[in-house]
Amino acid sequence: MKNKILAIIGGTVALFGLGYLIYVVLGFHALTGESVPEVFTKLDLPIIILMEVLYATLIVIIFSRWAQIKTFVTGAQAGLIIGAFIGGCQTLETLATSDLTDLSGVITGAVTFGIRFAVAGGVIGWLLGRD
């Protein structure tokens, strides 16, 4: 139980940290162009942190209950696949229901989620494998 709680905390920190780096620090300049509408006007950190906790909890449940993942490498591999699917599906839904993205946004979403979840999955797998 202690390993699972530590894994959730570690996964949350990895997801939030990389999300901040990718979307706020690196993506800031890409979102300041004149042609991009200002649709992302608020940054509600408690809700974002809750989302990351739920993502990390989902990964911990999958890794510990069904996949028995207990190493960084296997966690990163599984996290990459899970993240790419979640990111791709999330942005495909946005593409299908709004004008906020295009096909390159879907690819970017899948890649960025894949990277974030690969690192978080590696951290979670490593923490689940500790004795």
Protein backbone atom coordinates (compact mmCIF):
# COMPACT_ATOMS: atom_id res chain seq x y z
CA MET A 1 0.00 0.00 0.00
CA LYS A 2 2.84 2.38 0.86
CA ASN A 3 4.47 1.78 -2.54
CA LYS A 4 1.19 2.53 -4.31
CA ILE A 5 0.74 5.84 -2.51
CA LEU A 6 4.36 6.80 -3.25
CA ALA A 7 3.83 5.75 -6.88
CA ILE A 8 0.73 7.97 -7.15
CA ILE A 9 2.66 10.91 -5.68
CA GLY A 10 5.68 10.30 -7.93
CA GLY A 11 3.49 9.91 -11.01
CA THR A 12 1.57 13.08 -10.18
CA VAL A 13 4.78 15.08 -9.77
CA ALA A 14 6.16 13.73 -13.07
CA LEU A 15 2.93 14.43 -14.98
CA PHE A 16 2.47 17.91 -13.52
CA GLY A 17 6.12 18.88 -13.88
CA LEU A 18 6.39 17.75 -17.48
CA GLY A 19 2.98 19.24 -18.30
CA TYR A 20 4.11 22.59 -16.95
CA LEU A 21 7.37 22.39 -18.87
CA ILE A 22 5.79 21.29 -22.15
CA TYR A 23 2.60 23.35 -22.17
CA VAL A 24 3.53 26.48 -20.22
CA VAL A 25 7.28 26.95 -20.61
CA LEU A 26 7.88 25.51 -24.09
CA GLY A 27 4.41 26.07 -25.53
CA PHE A 28 4.06 29.64 -24.32
CA HIS A 29 5.71 31.18 -27.37
CA ALA A 30 3.68 29.05 -29.78
CA LEU A 31 0.42 30.29 -28.23
CA THR A 32 1.22 33.99 -28.44
CA GLY A 33 0.85 34.37 -32.20
CA GLU A 34 -1.69 36.83 -33.56
CA SER A 35 -3.68 34.18 -35.43
CA VAL A 36 -4.29 32.00 -32.37
CA PRO A 37 -7.54 32.85 -30.55
CA GLU A 38 -7.29 33.30 -26.81
CA VAL A 39 -9.33 30.32 -25.70
CA PHE A 40 -7.12 29.13 -22.87
CA THR A 41 -7.61 32.08 -20.56
CA LYS A 42 -7.56 30.42 -17.14
CA LEU A 43 -5.16 28.15 -15.34
CA ASP A 44 -6.96 26.47 -12.43
CA LEU A 45 -4.12 24.65 -10.65
CA PRO A 46 -6.18 22.67 -8.10
CA ILE A 47 -8.22 21.11 -10.92
CA ILE A 48 -5.08 20.41 -12.96
CA ILE A 49 -3.42 18.75 -9.96
CA LEU A 50 -6.56 16.64 -9.36
CA MET A 51 -6.47 15.56 -13.00
CA GLU A 52 -2.82 14.52 -12.68
CA VAL A 53 -3.56 12.60 -9.45
CA LEU A 54 -6.37 10.74 -11.24
CA TYR A 55 -4.12 9.94 -14.24
CA ALA A 56 -1.38 8.68 -11.90
CA THR A 57 -3.91 6.61 -9.93
CA LEU A 58 -5.17 5.04 -13.17
CA ILE A 59 -1.63 4.07 -14.14
CA VAL A 60 -0.91 2.66 -10.68
CA ILE A 61 -4.07 0.54 -10.81
CA ILE A 62 -3.23 -0.79 -14.28
CA PHE A 63 0.41 -1.46 -13.44
CA SER A 64 -0.13 -3.06 -10.03
CA ARG A 65 -3.36 -4.95 -10.55
CA TRP A 66 -3.27 -6.17 -14.14
CA ALA A 67 0.15 -5.68 -15.69
CA GLN A 68 2.47 -6.38 -12.73
CA ILE A 69 4.88 -3.69 -13.93
CA LYS A 70 7.68 -3.08 -11.45
CA THR A 71 10.58 -1.56 -13.42
CA PHE A 72 11.29 1.85 -14.91
CA VAL A 73 11.74 0.56 -18.47
CA THR A 74 8.55 -1.51 -18.67
CA GLY A 75 6.64 1.29 -16.93
CA ALA A 76 7.93 3.82 -19.45
CA GLN A 77 7.01 1.58 -22.38
CA ALA A 78 3.48 0.99 -21.11
CA GLY A 79 3.12 4.64 -20.11
CA LEU A 80 4.07 5.76 -23.61
CA ILE A 81 1.36 3.60 -25.16
CA ILE A 82 -1.29 4.60 -22.62
CA GLY A 83 -0.41 8.29 -22.88
CA ALA A 84 -0.38 8.33 -26.67
CA PHE A 85 -3.84 6.75 -26.75
CA ILE A 86 -5.26 9.12 -24.12
CA GLY A 87 -3.74 12.20 -25.77
CA GLY A 88 -4.78 11.13 -29.23
CA CYS A 89 -8.34 10.33 -28.17
CA GLN A 90 -8.69 13.54 -26.21
CA THR A 91 -7.57 15.73 -29.10
CA LEU A 92 -9.55 13.72 -31.66
CA GLU A 93 -12.65 14.50 -29.62
CA THR A 94 -11.69 18.19 -29.63
CA LEU A 95 -11.12 18.03 -33.40
CA ALA A 96 -14.49 16.38 -33.96
CA THR A 97 -16.48 18.78 -31.78
CA SER A 98 -14.80 22.19 -32.16
CA ASP A 99 -12.48 24.37 -34.21
CA LEU A 100 -9.82 24.50 -31.49
CA THR A 101 -7.41 22.09 -33.18
CA ASP A 102 -6.48 20.40 -36.43
CA LEU A 103 -4.73 17.15 -37.36
CA SER A 104 -1.33 18.49 -36.31
CA GLY A 105 -2.86 19.26 -32.89
CA VAL A 106 -4.00 15.64 -32.62
CA ILE A 107 -0.49 14.42 -33.38
CA THR A 108 1.02 16.93 -30.95
CA GLY A 109 -1.44 15.85 -28.24
CA ALA A 110 -0.60 12.18 -28.73
CA VAL A 111 3.15 12.87 -28.68
CA THR A 112 3.14 15.18 -25.65
CA PHE A 113 0.88 12.88 -23.65
CA GLY A 114 3.03 9.93 -24.69
CA ILE A 115 6.18 11.65 -23.42
CA ARG A 116 4.57 12.73 -20.14
CA PHE A 117 3.05 9.32 -19.48
CA ALA A 118 6.27 7.50 -20.44
CA VAL A 119 8.24 9.37 -17.78
CA ALA A 120 5.42 9.09 -15.23
CA GLY A 121 4.97 5.39 -16.07
CA GLY A 122 8.68 4.81 -15.56
CA VAL A 123 8.60 6.55 -12.19
CA ILE A 124 5.48 4.64 -11.16
CA GLY A 125 6.92 1.30 -12.29
CA TRP A 126 10.15 1.97 -10.42
CA LEU A 127 8.31 2.98 -7.23
CA LEU A 128 6.01 -0.05 -7.42
CA GLY A 129 9.06 -2.33 -7.69
CA ARG A 130 10.79 -0.98 -4.60
CA ASP A 131 10.75 -3.15 -1.50
